[in-house]
Every structure is written in C-alpha cells, then in structure tokens.
Amino acid sequence: MEGRDWPKCMKCGKGQLIPLSDYGRDGASIMFKAWVCSDQECGYNLRIDNGEISLGRTIGQSFK
C-alpha cells in the first residue's frame, strides 16, 4: 500500500489515517476494518464492529 495518499487526520492535522485489516469470525478477510492516525502522539482511530462505527477508542495491544 506504499505510494498511496492516505487522508490527513482531521483531529491533529499532522498524521495520515492508515487503514488496517482484520479477519471475521469465519476467517474471511475484512479490508479497512479500522483507520488509525500515523502520529503516535495523536492516537485518533475509528473502527467498524458488527456494522457500528466506533470513534477514538483507546488503542492497546491485543492478546488474542
């Protein structure tokens, strides 16, 4: 995904929103499930869970 112009973060204005992918319950790939700001100090993120959009949840490491 290098070489793409990702959207600028509207919260901090410094970073870019970078898409993240995941796998669904049945193992199917889910493209662009979440977007996070590339500026680590900002931490802005949004994600889709079961059709609902969550904004600004605390980012942490998954232990799954």
PDB file of N, CA and C in Angstrom:
ATOM      1  N   MET A   1       0.804  -1.180   0.000  1.00  0.00           N
ATOM      2  CA  MET A   1       0.000   0.000   0.000  1.00  0.00           C
ATOM      3  C   MET A   1       0.860   1.261   0.000  1.00  0.00           C
ATOM      4  N   GLU A   2       2.131   1.077  -0.244  1.00  0.00           N
ATOM      5  CA  GLU A   2       3.010   2.233  -0.334  1.00  0.00           C
ATOM      6  C   GLU A   2       2.675   3.041  -1.568  1.00  0.00           C
ATOM      7  N   GLY A   3       2.975   4.325  -1.498  1.00  0.00           N
ATOM      8  CA  GLY A   3       2.753   5.171  -2.646  1.00  0.00           C
ATOM      9  C   GLY A   3       1.357   5.747  -2.732  1.00  0.00           C
ATOM     10  N   ARG A   4       0.507   5.444  -1.763  1.00  0.00           N
ATOM     11  CA  ARG A   4      -0.854   5.984  -1.771  1.00  0.00           C
ATOM     12  C   ARG A   4      -0.907   7.239  -0.921  1.00  0.00           C
ATOM     13  N   ASP A   5      -1.800   8.120  -1.268  1.00  0.00           N
ATOM     14  CA  ASP A   5      -2.035   9.309  -0.465  1.00  0.00           C
ATOM     15  C   ASP A   5      -3.227   9.036   0.442  1.00  0.00           C
ATOM     16  N   TRP A   6      -2.936   8.690   1.684  1.00  0.00           N
ATOM     17  CA  TRP A   6      -3.993   8.421   2.642  1.00  0.00           C
ATOM     18  C   TRP A   6      -4.541   9.743   3.164  1.00  0.00           C
ATOM     19  N   PRO A   7      -5.789   9.753   3.650  1.00  0.00           N
ATOM     20  CA  PRO A   7      -6.387  11.005   4.145  1.00  0.00           C
ATOM     21  C   PRO A   7      -5.633  11.548   5.356  1.00  0.00           C
ATOM     22  N   LYS A   8      -5.572  12.856   5.434  1.00  0.00           N
ATOM     23  CA  LYS A   8      -4.947  13.527   6.575  1.00  0.00           C
ATOM     24  C   LYS A   8      -5.863  13.396   7.786  1.00  0.00           C
ATOM     25  N   CYS A   9      -5.260  13.217   8.959  1.00  0.00           N
ATOM     26  CA  CYS A   9      -6.036  13.117  10.199  1.00  0.00           C
ATOM     27  C   CYS A   9      -6.675  14.472  10.480  1.00  0.00           C
ATOM     28  N   MET A  10      -7.989  14.477  10.654  1.00  0.00           N
ATOM     29  CA  MET A  10      -8.706  15.719  10.915  1.00  0.00           C
ATOM     30  C   MET A  10      -8.621  16.125  12.386  1.00  0.00           C
ATOM     31  N   LYS A  11      -8.145  15.233  13.253  1.00  0.00           N
ATOM     32  CA  LYS A  11      -8.009  15.582  14.661  1.00  0.00           C
ATOM     33  C   LYS A  11      -6.726  16.388  14.899  1.00  0.00           C
ATOM     34  N   CYS A  12      -5.577  15.846  14.446  1.00  0.00           N
ATOM     35  CA  CYS A  12      -4.302  16.515  14.723  1.00  0.00           C
ATOM     36  C   CYS A  12      -3.772  17.302  13.532  1.00  0.00           C
ATOM     37  N   GLY A  13      -4.158  16.917  12.323  1.00  0.00           N
ATOM     38  CA  GLY A  13      -3.690  17.600  11.126  1.00  0.00           C
ATOM     39  C   GLY A  13      -2.257  17.288  10.738  1.00  0.00           C
ATOM     40  N   LYS A  14      -1.550  16.476  11.551  1.00  0.00           N
ATOM     41  CA  LYS A  14      -0.153  16.141  11.258  1.00  0.00           C
ATOM     42  C   LYS A  14      -0.017  14.764  10.600  1.00  0.00           C
ATOM     43  N   GLY A  15      -0.741  13.790  11.135  1.00  0.00           N
ATOM     44  CA  GLY A  15      -0.614  12.421  10.648  1.00  0.00           C
ATOM     45  C   GLY A  15      -1.577  12.113   9.514  1.00  0.00           C
ATOM     46  N   GLN A  16      -1.445  10.901   8.998  1.00  0.00           N
ATOM     47  CA  GLN A  16      -2.356  10.390   7.980  1.00  0.00           C
ATOM     48  C   GLN A  16      -3.148   9.242   8.587  1.00  0.00           C
ATOM     49  N   LEU A  17      -4.390   9.064   8.124  1.00  0.00           N
ATOM     50  CA  LEU A  17      -5.183   7.917   8.567  1.00  0.00           C
ATOM     51  C   LEU A  17      -4.766   6.706   7.739  1.00  0.00           C
ATOM     52  N   ILE A  18      -4.274   5.699   8.429  1.00  0.00           N
ATOM     53  CA  ILE A  18      -3.755   4.488   7.796  1.00  0.00           C
ATOM     54  C   ILE A  18      -4.772   3.358   8.016  1.00  0.00           C
ATOM     55  N   PRO A  19      -5.170   2.654   6.939  1.00  0.00           N
ATOM     56  CA  PRO A  19      -6.153   1.573   7.093  1.00  0.00           C
ATOM     57  C   PRO A  19      -5.528   0.296   7.639  1.00  0.00           C
ATOM     58  N   LEU A  20      -6.295  -0.401   8.458  1.00  0.00           N
ATOM     59  CA  LEU A  20      -5.896  -1.705   8.990  1.00  0.00           C
ATOM     60  C   LEU A  20      -6.956  -2.735   8.612  1.00  0.00           C
ATOM     61  N   SER A  21      -6.528  -3.956   8.399  1.00  0.00           N
ATOM     62  CA  SER A  21      -7.439  -5.037   8.044  1.00  0.00           C
ATOM     63  C   SER A  21      -7.492  -6.056   9.173  1.00  0.00           C
ATOM     64  N   ASP A  22      -8.485  -6.936   9.108  1.00  0.00           N
ATOM     65  CA  ASP A  22      -8.663  -7.950  10.145  1.00  0.00           C
ATOM     66  C   ASP A  22      -9.328  -9.159   9.510  1.00  0.00           C
ATOM     67  N   TYR A  23      -9.628 -10.146  10.319  1.00  0.00           N
ATOM     68  CA  TYR A  23     -10.349 -11.330   9.857  1.00  0.00           C
ATOM     69  C   TYR A  23     -11.656 -11.438  10.619  1.00  0.00           C
ATOM     70  N   GLY A  24     -12.716 -11.845   9.923  1.00  0.00           N
ATOM     71  CA  GLY A  24     -14.021 -12.027  10.538  1.00  0.00           C
ATOM     72  C   GLY A  24     -14.111 -13.336  11.292  1.00  0.00           C
ATOM     73  N   ARG A  25     -15.276 -13.583  11.862  1.00  0.00           N
ATOM     74  CA  ARG A  25     -15.492 -14.808  12.650  1.00  0.00           C
ATOM     75  C   ARG A  25     -15.253 -16.083  11.850  1.00  0.00           C
ATOM     76  N   ASP A  26     -15.607 -16.040  10.570  1.00  0.00           N
ATOM     77  CA  ASP A  26     -15.461 -17.223   9.726  1.00  0.00           C
ATOM     78  C   ASP A  26     -14.124 -17.258   8.998  1.00  0.00           C
ATOM     79  N   GLY A  27     -13.208 -16.346   9.348  1.00  0.00           N
ATOM     80  CA  GLY A  27     -11.886 -16.330   8.743  1.00  0.00           C
ATOM     81  C   GLY A  27     -11.774 -15.512   7.474  1.00  0.00           C
ATOM     82  N   ALA A  28     -12.873 -14.871   7.056  1.00  0.00           N
ATOM     83  CA  ALA A  28     -12.834 -14.052   5.843  1.00  0.00           C
ATOM     84  C   ALA A  28     -12.118 -12.736   6.137  1.00  0.00           C
ATOM     85  N   SER A  29     -11.333 -12.283   5.197  1.00  0.00           N
ATOM     86  CA  SER A  29     -10.602 -11.035   5.340  1.00  0.00           C
ATOM     87  C   SER A  29     -11.554  -9.838   5.312  1.00  0.00           C
ATOM     88  N   ILE A  30     -11.339  -8.880   6.218  1.00  0.00           N
ATOM     89  CA  ILE A  30     -12.118  -7.648   6.245  1.00  0.00           C
ATOM     90  C   ILE A  30     -11.150  -6.504   5.970  1.00  0.00           C
ATOM     91  N   MET A  31     -11.228  -5.953   4.772  1.00  0.00           N
ATOM     92  CA  MET A  31     -10.347  -4.854   4.387  1.00  0.00           C
ATOM     93  C   MET A  31     -10.817  -3.561   5.036  1.00  0.00           C
ATOM     94  N   PHE A  32      -9.883  -2.768   5.489  1.00  0.00           N
ATOM     95  CA  PHE A  32     -10.143  -1.442   6.050  1.00  0.00           C
ATOM     96  C   PHE A  32     -11.133  -1.482   7.197  1.00  0.00           C
ATOM     97  N   LYS A  33     -10.946  -2.413   8.125  1.00  0.00           N
ATOM     98  CA  LYS A  33     -11.811  -2.522   9.304  1.00  0.00           C
ATOM     99  C   LYS A  33     -11.594  -1.340  10.242  1.00  0.00           C
ATOM    100  N   ALA A  34     -10.373  -0.829  10.282  1.00  0.00           N
ATOM    101  CA  ALA A  34     -10.061   0.283  11.178  1.00  0.00           C
ATOM    102  C   ALA A  34      -9.123   1.255  10.474  1.00  0.00           C
ATOM    103  N   TRP A  35      -9.150   2.492  10.940  1.00  0.00           N
ATOM    104  CA  TRP A  35      -8.230   3.527  10.455  1.00  0.00           C
ATOM    105  C   TRP A  35      -7.597   4.156  11.687  1.00  0.00           C
ATOM    106  N   VAL A  36      -6.277   4.312  11.685  1.00  0.00           N
ATOM    107  CA  VAL A  36      -5.570   4.924  12.810  1.00  0.00           C
ATOM    108  C   VAL A  36      -4.659   6.028  12.298  1.00  0.00           C
ATOM    109  N   CYS A  37      -4.459   7.042  13.142  1.00  0.00           N
ATOM    110  CA  CYS A  37      -3.571   8.141  12.785  1.00  0.00           C
ATOM    111  C   CYS A  37      -2.128   7.664  12.871  1.00  0.00           C
ATOM    112  N   SER A  38      -1.331   8.035  11.897  1.00  0.00           N
ATOM    113  CA  SER A  38       0.076   7.630  11.873  1.00  0.00           C
ATOM    114  C   SER A  38       0.905   8.373  12.914  1.00  0.00           C
ATOM    115  N   ASP A  39       0.398   9.479  13.470  1.00  0.00           N
ATOM    116  CA  ASP A  39       1.099  10.230  14.509  1.00  0.00           C
ATOM    117  C   ASP A  39       0.799   9.561  15.858  1.00  0.00           C
ATOM    118  N   GLN A  40       1.798   8.925  16.450  1.00  0.00           N
ATOM    119  CA  GLN A  40       1.587   8.168  17.685  1.00  0.00           C
ATOM    120  C   GLN A  40       1.105   9.041  18.834  1.00  0.00           C
ATOM    121  N   GLU A  41       1.451  10.312  18.843  1.00  0.00           N
ATOM    122  CA  GLU A  41       1.004  11.206  19.907  1.00  0.00           C
ATOM    123  C   GLU A  41      -0.494  11.499  19.799  1.00  0.00           C
ATOM    124  N   CYS A  42      -1.035  11.439  18.599  1.00  0.00           N
ATOM    125  CA  CYS A  42      -2.451  11.727  18.372  1.00  0.00           C
ATOM    126  C   CYS A  42      -3.326  10.572  18.842  1.00  0.00           C
ATOM    127  N   GLY A  43      -3.107   9.389  18.280  1.00  0.00           N
ATOM    128  CA  GLY A  43      -3.859   8.210  18.676  1.00  0.00           C
ATOM    129  C   GLY A  43      -5.288   8.134  18.158  1.00  0.00           C
ATOM    130  N   TYR A  44      -5.709   9.054  17.285  1.00  0.00           N
ATOM    131  CA  TYR A  44      -7.077   9.008  16.768  1.00  0.00           C
ATOM    132  C   TYR A  44      -7.296   7.718  15.993  1.00  0.00           C
ATOM    133  N   ASN A  45      -8.468   7.135  16.127  1.00  0.00           N
ATOM    134  CA  ASN A  45      -8.794   5.914  15.400  1.00  0.00           C
ATOM    135  C   ASN A  45     -10.291   5.781  15.241  1.00  0.00           C
ATOM    136  N   LEU A  46     -10.675   5.051  14.227  1.00  0.00           N
ATOM    137  CA  LEU A  46     -12.069   4.662  14.062  1.00  0.00           C
ATOM    138  C   LEU A  46     -12.089   3.251  13.527  1.00  0.00           C
ATOM    139  N   ARG A  47     -13.132   2.513  13.923  1.00  0.00           N
ATOM    140  CA  ARG A  47     -13.222   1.114  13.504  1.00  0.00           C
ATOM    141  C   ARG A  47     -14.674   0.709  13.343  1.00  0.00           C
ATOM    142  N   ILE A  48     -14.866  -0.379  12.617  1.00  0.00           N
ATOM    143  CA  ILE A  48     -16.200  -0.913  12.391  1.00  0.00           C
ATOM    144  C   ILE A  48     -16.294  -2.264  13.099  1.00  0.00           C
ATOM    145  N   ASP A  49     -17.275  -2.380  13.994  1.00  0.00           N
ATOM    146  CA  ASP A  49     -17.529  -3.634  14.708  1.00  0.00           C
ATOM    147  C   ASP A  49     -18.997  -3.982  14.567  1.00  0.00           C
ATOM    148  N   ASN A  50     -19.263  -5.094  13.906  1.00  0.00           N
ATOM    149  CA  ASN A  50     -20.644  -5.558  13.704  1.00  0.00           C
ATOM    150  C   ASN A  50     -21.530  -4.466  13.106  1.00  0.00           C
ATOM    151  N   GLY A  51     -20.988  -3.725  12.155  1.00  0.00           N
ATOM    152  CA  GLY A  51     -21.759  -2.702  11.465  1.00  0.00           C
ATOM    153  C   GLY A  51     -21.839  -1.365  12.177  1.00  0.00           C
ATOM    154  N   GLU A  52     -21.253  -1.245  13.372  1.00  0.00           N
ATOM    155  CA  GLU A  52     -21.271   0.010  14.117  1.00  0.00           C
ATOM    156  C   GLU A  52     -19.893   0.658  14.065  1.00  0.00           C
ATOM    157  N   ILE A  53     -19.867   1.977  13.942  1.00  0.00           N
ATOM    158  CA  ILE A  53     -18.614   2.718  13.877  1.00  0.00           C
ATOM    159  C   ILE A  53     -18.257   3.221  15.270  1.00  0.00           C
ATOM    160  N   SER A  54     -17.046   2.925  15.707  1.00  0.00           N
ATOM    161  CA  SER A  54     -16.534   3.395  16.994  1.00  0.00           C
ATOM    162  C   SER A  54     -15.446   4.418  16.734  1.00  0.00           C
ATOM    163  N   LEU A  55     -15.501   5.552  17.417  1.00  0.00           N
ATOM    164  CA  LEU A  55     -14.510   6.606  17.246  1.00  0.00           C
ATOM    165  C   LEU A  55     -13.682   6.773  18.508  1.00  0.00           C
ATOM    166  N   GLY A  56     -12.373   6.904  18.331  1.00  0.00           N
ATOM    167  CA  GLY A  56     -11.490   7.291  19.419  1.00  0.00           C
ATOM    168  C   GLY A  56     -11.319   6.323  20.567  1.00  0.00           C
ATOM    169  N   ARG A  57     -11.540   5.051  20.352  1.00  0.00           N
ATOM    170  CA  ARG A  57     -11.325   4.077  21.427  1.00  0.00           C
ATOM    171  C   ARG A  57      -9.839   4.023  21.768  1.00  0.00           C
ATOM    172  N   THR A  58      -9.527   3.679  23.010  1.00  0.00           N
ATOM    173  CA  THR A  58      -8.136   3.563  23.431  1.00  0.00           C
ATOM    174  C   THR A  58      -7.468   2.442  22.646  1.00  0.00           C
ATOM    175  N   ILE A  59      -6.306   2.743  22.116  1.00  0.00           N
ATOM    176  CA  ILE A  59      -5.570   1.749  21.345  1.00  0.00           C
ATOM    177  C   ILE A  59      -4.679   0.961  22.288  1.00  0.00           C
ATOM    178  N   GLY A  60      -4.742  -0.344  22.168  1.00  0.00           N
ATOM    179  CA  GLY A  60      -3.904  -1.195  23.006  1.00  0.00           C
ATOM    180  C   GLY A  60      -3.533  -2.459  22.256  1.00  0.00           C
ATOM    181  N   GLN A  61      -2.667  -3.227  22.840  1.00  0.00           N
ATOM    182  CA  GLN A  61      -2.241  -4.470  22.220  1.00  0.00           C
ATOM    183  C   GLN A  61      -3.274  -5.551  22.465  1.00  0.00           C
ATOM    184  N   SER A  62      -3.563  -6.327  21.432  1.00  0.00           N
ATOM    185  CA  SER A  62      -4.487  -7.437  21.559  1.00  0.00           C
ATOM    186  C   SER A  62      -3.723  -8.670  22.036  1.00  0.00           C
ATOM    187  N   PHE A  63      -4.284  -9.394  22.974  1.00  0.00           N
ATOM    188  CA  PHE A  63      -3.646 -10.588  23.480  1.00  0.00           C
ATOM    189  C   PHE A  63      -4.327 -11.854  22.986  1.00  0.00           C
ATOM    190  N   LYS A  64      -5.061 -11.748  21.870  1.00  0.00           N
ATOM    191  CA  LYS A  64      -5.743 -12.911  21.293  1.00  0.00           C
ATOM    192  C   LYS A  64      -4.768 -13.805  20.601  1.00  0.00           C
TER     193      LYS A  64
END
